[in-house]
Amino acid sequence: MHTYRIHTVESAPENSRPALRGLKQAVGIVPNLAATMAESPVLLSGFVGAFGNFHGGTFSGGQKQVLLLSNAVANTCPWAVAFHSAMALKEGVDPEHVRAIREKRLPTDAGLAALSSFTRALIDKRGHVGERDLASFGEAGFGPDQVLEVIAGLAVSVMANYAGNITKPAVEQPFQSQVWTA
């Protein structure tokens, strides 16, 4: 089995360094998952670009974290579950809602439940959601543009979650309280 290095800006391949610098500036640290993704400048650059686009969208910070946490749980990526649990709490998502998602349940908040349910349906059904899935999402106050924006969040998650499941980065100290196992 290959062991993936947790790169620093200095140790990363040259073409990964700008993306790592950008993440450090945006997030304040180079997350271990991104540091392992740096082994592939193609993956890291695609991830950072998609990450920036998604974070510039219409969802609130808490909604983005609910979506990303729901994806991390569905994709059983322990590093991403810990990270997005901590970020959701930082964004003000109620701890009970975070716990529900981590336990593969829906939050009691109707809007967050619709967002979590819809993103999980997209994953489970490989994008072949039905009219009922779309109607439930819309009834919760989300627009047709946000249906497509969820797909952008899924794209970011797939890159991170799949890479995390392969590279198995250590969970950093700030996220240790949110360590999760499937």
Protein backbone atom coordinates (compact mmCIF):
# COMPACT_ATOMS: atom_id res chain seq x y z
CA MET A 1 0.00 0.00 0.00
CA HIS A 2 1.25 3.47 -0.87
CA THR A 3 1.65 6.00 1.93
CA TYR A 4 0.82 9.54 0.92
CA ARG A 5 2.97 12.36 2.19
CA ILE A 6 1.43 15.34 3.94
CA HIS A 7 3.15 18.00 1.89
CA THR A 8 4.12 21.48 2.94
CA VAL A 9 4.15 24.33 0.46
CA GLU A 10 7.90 23.78 0.15
CA SER A 11 7.81 19.98 -0.31
CA ALA A 12 4.87 19.92 -2.74
CA PRO A 13 5.35 19.52 -6.47
CA GLU A 14 5.95 22.95 -8.02
CA ASN A 15 2.55 23.04 -9.75
CA SER A 16 0.75 22.35 -6.43
CA ARG A 17 2.38 25.19 -4.52
CA PRO A 18 0.13 28.04 -5.72
CA ALA A 19 -2.99 26.09 -4.73
CA LEU A 20 -1.56 25.28 -1.28
CA ARG A 21 -0.63 28.94 -0.76
CA GLY A 22 -4.17 29.93 -1.75
CA LEU A 23 -5.70 27.46 0.69
CA LYS A 24 -3.44 28.65 3.47
CA GLN A 25 -4.52 32.22 2.81
CA ALA A 26 -8.23 31.31 2.61
CA VAL A 27 -8.43 28.81 5.49
CA GLY A 28 -5.49 29.87 7.66
CA ILE A 29 -3.81 26.46 7.43
CA VAL A 30 -3.01 23.91 4.79
CA PRO A 31 -5.40 21.12 5.77
CA ASN A 32 -3.79 17.68 5.85
CA LEU A 33 -6.20 16.39 3.22
CA ALA A 34 -5.20 19.13 0.76
CA ALA A 35 -1.56 18.51 1.67
CA THR A 36 -1.91 14.88 0.56
CA MET A 37 -3.86 15.91 -2.55
CA ALA A 38 -0.86 18.07 -3.49
CA GLU A 39 0.83 14.91 -4.75
CA SER A 40 -1.33 15.48 -7.85
CA PRO A 41 -1.28 19.10 -9.03
CA VAL A 42 -4.18 18.24 -11.36
CA LEU A 43 -6.40 17.07 -8.50
CA LEU A 44 -5.39 19.84 -6.12
CA SER A 45 -5.87 22.62 -8.67
CA GLY A 46 -9.25 21.23 -9.69
CA PHE A 47 -10.30 20.96 -6.05
CA VAL A 48 -9.19 24.47 -5.11
CA GLY A 49 -10.95 25.97 -8.13
CA ALA A 50 -14.18 24.07 -7.43
CA PHE A 51 -13.90 24.88 -3.71
CA GLY A 52 -13.63 28.60 -4.47
CA ASN A 53 -16.56 28.52 -6.86
CA PHE A 54 -18.78 26.61 -4.45
CA HIS A 55 -17.94 28.87 -1.52
CA GLY A 56 -18.90 31.90 -3.63
CA GLY A 57 -22.44 30.54 -4.09
CA THR A 58 -25.79 31.36 -2.53
CA PHE A 59 -25.85 28.98 0.43
CA SER A 60 -25.04 30.35 3.87
CA GLY A 61 -21.88 29.16 5.60
CA GLY A 62 -23.90 26.79 7.79
CA GLN A 63 -25.82 25.42 4.82
CA LYS A 64 -22.58 24.77 2.93
CA GLN A 65 -21.20 22.86 5.89
CA VAL A 66 -24.40 20.81 6.25
CA LEU A 67 -24.17 19.88 2.57
CA LEU A 68 -20.45 19.03 2.79
CA LEU A 69 -20.90 17.10 6.05
CA SER A 70 -23.81 15.13 4.58
CA ASN A 71 -21.60 14.21 1.63
CA ALA A 72 -18.65 13.27 3.86
CA VAL A 73 -20.88 10.91 5.88
CA ALA A 74 -22.42 9.41 2.73
CA ASN A 75 -18.92 8.87 1.30
CA THR A 76 -17.65 7.59 4.69
CA CYS A 77 -14.61 9.89 4.76
CA PRO A 78 -13.50 10.19 8.40
CA TRP A 79 -11.17 13.17 7.86
CA ALA A 80 -13.86 15.16 6.04
CA VAL A 81 -16.52 14.29 8.63
CA ALA A 82 -14.27 15.60 11.42
CA PHE A 83 -13.37 18.74 9.46
CA HIS A 84 -16.91 19.60 8.33
CA SER A 85 -18.38 18.83 11.75
CA ALA A 86 -15.99 21.35 13.29
CA MET A 87 -16.68 23.88 10.53
CA ALA A 88 -20.46 23.44 10.83
CA LEU A 89 -20.28 24.12 14.56
CA LYS A 90 -18.06 27.15 13.89
CA GLU A 91 -20.68 28.41 11.41
CA GLY A 92 -23.34 28.19 14.11
CA VAL A 93 -25.08 24.97 13.09
CA ASP A 94 -26.79 23.52 16.16
CA PRO A 95 -24.74 20.65 17.65
CA GLU A 96 -27.83 18.42 17.56
CA HIS A 97 -28.12 18.95 13.79
CA VAL A 98 -24.45 18.09 13.35
CA ARG A 99 -24.90 14.97 15.49
CA ALA A 100 -27.94 13.89 13.47
CA ILE A 101 -26.06 14.11 10.18
CA ARG A 102 -23.09 12.22 11.64
CA GLU A 103 -25.55 9.50 12.72
CA LYS A 104 -27.09 9.37 9.21
CA ARG A 105 -30.28 11.04 10.42
CA LEU A 106 -31.85 14.28 9.25
CA PRO A 107 -31.61 17.48 11.28
CA THR A 108 -34.86 18.66 12.87
CA ASP A 109 -34.55 22.03 11.11
CA ALA A 110 -36.74 21.71 7.99
CA GLY A 111 -34.41 23.64 5.66
CA LEU A 112 -31.26 21.80 6.76
CA ALA A 113 -33.12 18.49 6.59
CA ALA A 114 -34.19 19.22 3.01
CA LEU A 115 -30.64 20.19 2.05
CA SER A 116 -29.11 17.11 3.68
CA SER A 117 -31.78 14.82 2.24
CA PHE A 118 -31.44 16.22 -1.27
CA THR A 119 -27.65 15.97 -1.34
CA ARG A 120 -27.84 12.38 -0.06
CA ALA A 121 -30.47 11.56 -2.70
CA LEU A 122 -28.16 12.89 -5.41
CA ILE A 123 -25.38 10.63 -4.16
CA ASP A 124 -27.56 7.56 -3.58
CA LYS A 125 -29.35 7.90 -6.93
CA ARG A 126 -26.24 8.95 -8.91
CA GLY A 127 -27.97 12.16 -9.96
CA HIS A 128 -31.19 10.47 -11.04
CA VAL A 129 -33.38 12.23 -8.49
CA GLY A 130 -37.12 12.17 -8.99
CA GLU A 131 -39.74 14.88 -9.09
CA ARG A 132 -40.55 14.26 -5.41
CA ASP A 133 -36.89 14.91 -4.43
CA LEU A 134 -36.89 18.15 -6.42
CA ALA A 135 -40.29 19.23 -5.10
CA SER A 136 -39.29 18.61 -1.46
CA PHE A 137 -36.14 20.66 -1.93
CA GLY A 138 -38.14 23.48 -3.52
CA GLU A 139 -40.83 23.36 -0.82
CA ALA A 140 -38.09 24.02 1.74
CA GLY A 141 -37.42 27.37 0.03
CA PHE A 142 -34.57 26.42 -2.30
CA GLY A 143 -34.56 27.54 -5.92
CA PRO A 144 -33.80 25.71 -9.17
CA ASP A 145 -30.38 27.37 -9.26
CA GLN A 146 -29.60 25.86 -5.86
CA VAL A 147 -30.46 22.37 -7.17
CA LEU A 148 -27.53 22.83 -9.53
CA GLU A 149 -25.40 24.50 -6.87
CA VAL A 150 -25.72 21.35 -4.75
CA ILE A 151 -24.04 19.51 -7.64
CA ALA A 152 -21.09 21.92 -7.37
CA GLY A 153 -20.85 21.04 -3.68
CA LEU A 154 -20.97 17.36 -4.55
CA ALA A 155 -18.11 17.80 -7.00
CA VAL A 156 -15.95 19.41 -4.32
CA SER A 157 -16.88 16.64 -1.88
CA VAL A 158 -16.17 13.81 -4.29
CA MET A 159 -12.66 15.10 -4.91
CA ALA A 160 -11.96 15.57 -1.20
CA ASN A 161 -13.77 12.51 0.14
CA TYR A 162 -12.36 10.05 -2.38
CA ALA A 163 -8.85 11.45 -1.97
CA GLY A 164 -9.25 11.30 1.81
CA ASN A 165 -10.42 7.69 1.67
CA ILE A 166 -7.31 6.78 -0.34
CA THR A 167 -4.68 8.96 1.37
CA LYS A 168 -6.05 8.64 4.94
CA PRO A 169 -4.58 11.88 6.31
CA ALA A 170 -4.30 12.39 10.06
CA VAL A 171 -7.00 14.56 11.59
CA GLU A 172 -5.44 17.80 12.82
CA GLN A 173 -5.66 18.89 16.45
CA PRO A 174 -8.35 21.57 15.87
CA PHE A 175 -10.70 18.86 14.54
CA GLN A 176 -9.79 16.02 16.93
CA SER A 177 -12.93 16.50 19.02
CA GLN A 178 -14.97 15.60 15.95
CA VAL A 179 -13.20 12.35 14.98
CA TRP A 180 -15.74 9.96 13.46
CA THR A 181 -15.88 6.33 12.43
CA ALA A 182 -18.45 4.85 10.06
